Amino acid sequence: MPVTVEEKFDSRETTSGKSVELTYVIRGTDDDVEAMTALKATAPVTYSGLIRGDCRIEYLGPEMWSGVAPYEPPGTAKKEPLEVGESSYQFDTGGGTQHITQSLATIHKYPSGSQPPDFKGAIGVTADGVEGVDITVPVYSFSETHCKASGFVTNTYKGKLFSLTGRTNNAAFKGFSAGEVLFLGASGAKRGDGDWEITYHFAASPNKTGITIGDIANIEKKGWEYLWVLYWDEEDTDAKVLVKRPKFVYIEKVYEEGDFADLGIGTT
């Protein structure tokens, strides 16, 4: 007799707040592993935007089981352990903080009896320098969790993870161009069966071209390169005062590059 899984007629009434439990009747086996496998194959992985947690079964009698598939909001459901070759993904677009000394544009200048000086976009100019401001910039944080066989996670592989930490991608990686992804490191734990669950952490920042700072145009920088500006005193002939303006722009390489293919999690 084939194993069958049927959802109970009152299944979707078992809700509590934002959580849902779908309930099933499983027939055709006395094997708990077979019953659980059939339940997981039938219950959807997601339901109405919720994530399936740990399924449960209860033996009712010969070749009959009850099954429960709980669903919780993303990030709250208890996840079932990954099997070797499986993976899961998380991301966060919260952004990062960066100190800048140049604006994209000066929108208004309000005079007080004299012509306001033109600082060419410099922010917070004082007699001694340019103070700037902290802003939120696009930083896409993401992580991937992969289950790896014990034989894959050797000391040599751990050394690769160590050496790639704090490096940027030297080639296209997970949809990002070279220079846009920074590897923040990995954390892993060995499970009772000898396999490893490893989570790989990344942050992405976009490459930029066509940047203009003051009168300096066509500036290019990769996502994790550092841009800074040297300001010189120049005369503003309209306002007839000496002001600080951007004179030179520097792009600094602060992270080494690495081959992210060595992580062993694919590059696409």
Protein backbone atom coordinates (compact mmCIF):
# COMPACT_ATOMS: atom_id res chain seq x y z
CA MET A 1 0.00 0.00 0.00
CA PRO A 2 1.50 3.36 -0.98
CA VAL A 3 2.03 5.99 1.71
CA THR A 4 -0.57 8.76 1.49
CA VAL A 5 -0.66 12.14 3.22
CA GLU A 6 -3.92 14.06 3.46
CA GLU A 7 -4.44 17.44 5.07
CA LYS A 8 -7.16 17.46 7.75
CA PHE A 9 -10.35 19.39 6.99
CA ASP A 10 -9.81 21.70 10.02
CA SER A 11 -6.08 22.05 9.42
CA ARG A 12 -5.88 25.77 8.68
CA GLU A 13 -7.94 26.70 11.70
CA THR A 14 -4.97 25.91 13.98
CA THR A 15 -3.53 29.40 14.01
CA SER A 16 -2.05 31.49 16.82
CA GLY A 17 -1.17 35.09 16.10
CA LYS A 18 1.22 35.08 13.18
CA SER A 19 1.93 31.32 13.36
CA VAL A 20 0.08 28.54 11.55
CA GLU A 21 0.02 24.76 11.91
CA LEU A 22 -1.08 22.54 9.04
CA THR A 23 -2.17 19.10 10.22
CA TYR A 24 -2.18 15.87 8.24
CA VAL A 25 -3.14 12.20 8.37
CA ILE A 26 -0.46 9.81 7.09
CA ARG A 27 -1.47 6.28 6.06
CA GLY A 28 0.25 3.25 4.61
CA THR A 29 3.33 2.72 6.81
CA ASP A 30 4.43 1.79 10.32
CA ASP A 31 7.92 3.22 9.71
CA ASP A 32 8.42 6.59 11.42
CA VAL A 33 11.18 7.66 9.02
CA GLU A 34 8.99 6.86 6.01
CA ALA A 35 6.06 8.71 7.58
CA MET A 36 8.17 11.80 8.30
CA THR A 37 9.66 11.76 4.80
CA ALA A 38 6.19 11.62 3.25
CA LEU A 39 5.00 14.49 5.46
CA LYS A 40 7.93 16.73 4.50
CA ALA A 41 7.40 15.93 0.85
CA THR A 42 3.75 17.03 1.10
CA ALA A 43 3.78 20.02 3.46
CA PRO A 44 4.92 23.16 1.59
CA VAL A 45 8.23 24.75 2.60
CA THR A 46 6.50 28.13 2.85
CA TYR A 47 2.89 29.03 3.55
CA SER A 48 1.40 32.51 3.19
CA GLY A 49 4.83 34.11 3.64
CA LEU A 50 5.67 31.94 6.66
CA ILE A 51 8.56 29.46 6.93
CA ARG A 52 8.08 25.79 7.81
CA GLY A 53 9.74 24.73 11.06
CA ASP A 54 10.33 21.24 12.50
CA CYS A 55 7.60 18.80 11.45
CA ARG A 56 6.15 16.40 14.03
CA ILE A 57 4.44 13.03 13.75
CA GLU A 58 2.49 10.89 16.23
CA TYR A 59 1.65 7.20 15.87
CA LEU A 60 -2.13 6.60 15.93
CA GLY A 61 -2.32 2.90 15.12
CA PRO A 62 -1.43 0.36 12.44
CA GLU A 63 -0.17 2.23 9.36
CA MET A 64 -1.62 5.54 10.57
CA TRP A 65 0.07 8.70 11.85
CA SER A 66 -0.89 12.29 12.55
CA GLY A 67 1.47 14.92 11.23
CA VAL A 68 1.96 18.60 12.05
CA ALA A 69 3.84 21.18 9.97
CA PRO A 70 4.34 24.46 11.93
CA TYR A 71 4.92 27.77 10.15
CA GLU A 72 6.44 30.93 11.63
CA PRO A 73 7.53 34.35 10.31
CA PRO A 74 10.96 34.36 8.61
CA GLY A 75 13.76 34.40 11.14
CA THR A 76 11.69 32.94 13.99
CA ALA A 77 11.00 29.40 12.82
CA LYS A 78 13.29 26.69 14.13
CA LYS A 79 15.14 25.40 11.10
CA GLU A 80 15.53 21.75 10.30
CA PRO A 81 19.17 20.61 10.07
CA LEU A 82 20.68 20.78 6.61
CA GLU A 83 21.85 17.64 4.89
CA VAL A 84 25.16 17.40 3.04
CA GLY A 85 24.95 19.44 -0.16
CA GLU A 86 22.02 21.57 1.07
CA SER A 87 22.28 25.29 1.80
CA SER A 88 20.28 28.23 3.15
CA TYR A 89 20.56 31.97 2.54
CA GLN A 90 20.00 35.18 4.50
CA PHE A 91 20.40 38.85 3.60
CA ASP A 92 20.15 42.33 5.13
CA THR A 93 19.99 45.68 3.31
CA GLY A 94 20.36 47.78 6.44
CA GLY A 95 23.31 49.69 5.02
CA GLY A 96 26.46 50.97 6.66
CA THR A 97 27.79 54.27 7.95
CA GLN A 98 30.42 56.31 6.11
CA HIS A 99 32.02 59.65 6.87
CA ILE A 100 31.97 61.91 3.83
CA THR A 101 33.32 65.39 3.22
CA GLN A 102 31.60 66.04 -0.11
CA SER A 103 27.91 66.38 -0.98
CA LEU A 104 26.29 65.23 -4.20
CA ALA A 105 25.11 68.78 -4.77
CA THR A 106 24.66 72.05 -2.88
CA ILE A 107 20.92 72.72 -3.04
CA HIS A 108 20.73 76.18 -1.47
CA LYS A 109 23.04 78.91 -0.21
CA TYR A 110 21.45 81.60 1.94
CA PRO A 111 23.33 84.90 2.18
CA SER A 112 23.63 87.21 5.16
CA GLY A 113 24.48 90.52 3.62
CA SER A 114 27.24 89.17 1.37
CA GLN A 115 27.81 86.56 -1.35
CA PRO A 116 28.01 83.02 0.13
CA PRO A 117 31.32 81.31 -0.77
CA ASP A 118 31.24 78.36 -3.15
CA PHE A 119 32.95 75.39 -1.48
CA LYS A 120 32.36 73.06 -4.46
CA GLY A 121 30.32 70.66 -2.34
CA ALA A 122 32.62 70.48 0.68
CA ILE A 123 30.61 69.88 3.87
CA GLY A 124 31.20 71.62 7.18
CA VAL A 125 34.04 73.86 6.05
CA THR A 126 35.90 75.69 8.83
CA ALA A 127 39.00 77.86 8.89
CA ASP A 128 41.06 74.78 9.79
CA GLY A 129 39.56 72.09 7.57
CA VAL A 130 36.49 70.20 6.36
CA GLU A 131 34.46 68.42 9.07
CA GLY A 132 32.12 66.38 6.85
CA VAL A 133 29.17 64.29 8.04
CA ASP A 134 28.28 60.62 8.72
CA ILE A 135 25.71 59.15 6.33
CA THR A 136 24.11 55.77 5.63
CA VAL A 137 25.49 54.18 2.47
CA PRO A 138 24.36 51.07 0.55
CA VAL A 139 25.83 47.93 2.09
CA TYR A 140 24.20 44.61 1.23
CA SER A 141 25.01 42.05 3.92
CA PHE A 142 24.33 38.41 3.15
CA SER A 143 25.26 34.99 4.40
CA GLU A 144 25.02 31.44 3.17
CA THR A 145 24.91 28.31 5.31
CA HIS A 146 26.14 25.10 3.71
CA CYS A 147 26.35 21.55 5.00
CA LYS A 148 29.75 20.06 4.17
CA ALA A 149 30.94 16.49 4.55
CA SER A 150 33.53 15.92 7.25
CA GLY A 151 36.19 15.01 4.68
CA PHE A 152 35.77 18.36 2.91
CA VAL A 153 36.53 20.50 5.97
CA THR A 154 40.24 19.79 6.32
CA ASN A 155 42.87 21.94 8.00
CA THR A 156 43.86 23.11 4.53
CA TYR A 157 40.31 24.25 3.84
CA LYS A 158 40.11 26.04 7.18
CA GLY A 159 43.32 27.81 6.24
CA LYS A 160 41.72 28.98 2.99
CA LEU A 161 38.80 30.47 4.91
CA PHE A 162 41.25 32.24 7.19
CA SER A 163 43.33 33.65 4.33
CA LEU A 164 40.28 34.86 2.36
CA THR A 165 38.76 36.70 5.31
CA GLY A 166 39.02 40.44 4.77
CA ARG A 167 39.55 40.10 1.01
CA THR A 168 37.44 41.26 -1.92
CA ASN A 169 36.37 39.15 -4.88
CA ASN A 170 38.80 39.17 -7.80
CA ALA A 171 36.08 37.97 -10.20
CA ALA A 172 32.30 37.99 -10.52
CA PHE A 173 30.67 36.41 -7.45
CA LYS A 174 27.00 35.73 -6.63
CA GLY A 175 25.80 38.35 -9.10
CA PHE A 176 28.30 41.03 -8.07
CA SER A 177 31.19 42.43 -10.10
CA ALA A 178 34.83 42.09 -9.09
CA GLY A 179 35.67 44.34 -6.17
CA GLU A 180 32.11 44.63 -4.80
CA VAL A 181 32.06 41.78 -2.27
CA LEU A 182 34.03 41.63 0.98
CA PHE A 183 34.36 38.25 2.72
CA LEU A 184 33.78 38.78 6.44
CA GLY A 185 34.71 35.27 7.48
CA ALA A 186 32.98 31.98 8.26
CA SER A 187 31.71 30.21 11.36
CA GLY A 188 31.19 26.47 11.53
CA ALA A 189 30.11 23.73 13.88
CA LYS A 190 30.61 19.99 13.61
CA ARG A 191 27.42 17.98 14.07
CA GLY A 192 27.01 14.69 15.83
CA ASP A 193 27.10 12.76 12.55
CA GLY A 194 30.50 14.27 11.67
CA ASP A 195 29.24 16.69 9.02
CA TRP A 196 29.82 20.45 9.25
CA GLU A 197 27.38 23.33 9.06
CA ILE A 198 29.31 26.41 7.95
CA THR A 199 27.93 29.93 7.56
CA TYR A 200 29.79 32.28 5.22
CA HIS A 201 29.38 36.03 5.80
CA PHE A 202 29.69 38.72 3.13
CA ALA A 203 29.08 42.43 2.57
CA ALA A 204 28.63 44.06 -0.82
CA SER A 205 29.18 47.68 -1.81
CA PRO A 206 28.68 48.88 -5.40
CA ASN A 207 31.45 49.89 -7.77
CA LYS A 208 31.01 53.46 -8.99
CA THR A 209 31.99 55.36 -12.11
CA GLY A 210 31.44 58.90 -13.32
CA ILE A 211 31.88 60.46 -9.88
CA THR A 212 32.35 64.23 -9.79
CA ILE A 213 33.86 66.02 -6.79
CA GLY A 214 34.09 69.76 -7.14
CA ASP A 215 35.63 70.42 -10.53
CA ILE A 216 37.20 66.91 -10.69
CA ALA A 217 35.19 64.60 -12.97
CA ASN A 218 35.21 61.00 -14.26
CA ILE A 219 36.34 59.46 -10.97
CA GLU A 220 36.08 55.67 -10.64
CA LYS A 221 36.29 53.50 -7.54
CA LYS A 222 35.55 49.89 -6.70
CA GLY A 223 33.10 49.15 -3.92
CA TRP A 224 35.62 48.59 -1.12
CA GLU A 225 38.31 51.04 -2.22
CA TYR A 226 38.62 54.16 -0.08
CA LEU A 227 38.13 57.64 -1.56
CA TRP A 228 39.46 60.74 0.14
CA VAL A 229 39.84 64.36 -0.85
CA LEU A 230 42.66 66.84 -0.33
CA TYR A 231 41.45 70.42 0.09
CA TRP A 232 43.43 73.54 -0.76
CA ASP A 233 42.77 77.17 -0.01
CA GLU A 234 41.55 78.99 -3.10
CA GLU A 235 40.11 82.45 -3.66
CA ASP A 236 36.39 82.67 -4.36
CA THR A 237 36.43 85.65 -6.71
CA ASP A 238 32.67 86.22 -6.41
CA ALA A 239 32.54 86.19 -2.61
CA LYS A 240 36.05 87.70 -2.42
CA VAL A 241 37.17 85.33 0.35
CA LEU A 242 39.70 82.52 0.70
CA VAL A 243 37.91 79.13 0.86
CA LYS A 244 38.80 75.46 1.05
CA ARG A 245 37.97 73.51 -2.09
CA PRO A 246 38.62 69.93 -3.32
CA LYS A 247 41.90 69.96 -5.21
CA PHE A 248 42.89 66.29 -5.48
CA VAL A 249 40.98 63.02 -5.14
CA TYR A 250 42.72 59.82 -4.07
CA ILE A 251 41.46 56.25 -4.44
CA GLU A 252 43.16 53.89 -2.02
CA LYS A 253 43.24 50.09 -2.11
CA VAL A 254 42.73 48.92 1.49
CA TYR A 255 41.75 45.26 0.98
CA GLU A 256 43.64 42.52 -0.84
CA GLU A 257 41.79 40.50 -3.49
CA GLY A 258 41.07 36.80 -3.33
CA ASP A 259 39.62 33.96 -5.38
CA PHE A 260 36.23 33.25 -3.82
CA ALA A 261 35.93 30.05 -5.83
CA ASP A 262 38.20 28.58 -3.13
CA LEU A 263 35.33 28.87 -0.65
CA GLY A 264 33.73 25.87 -2.33
CA ILE A 265 30.18 27.29 -2.33
CA GLY A 266 29.97 28.24 -6.02
CA THR A 267 30.27 31.69 -7.52
CA THR A 268 26.84 32.16 -9.16
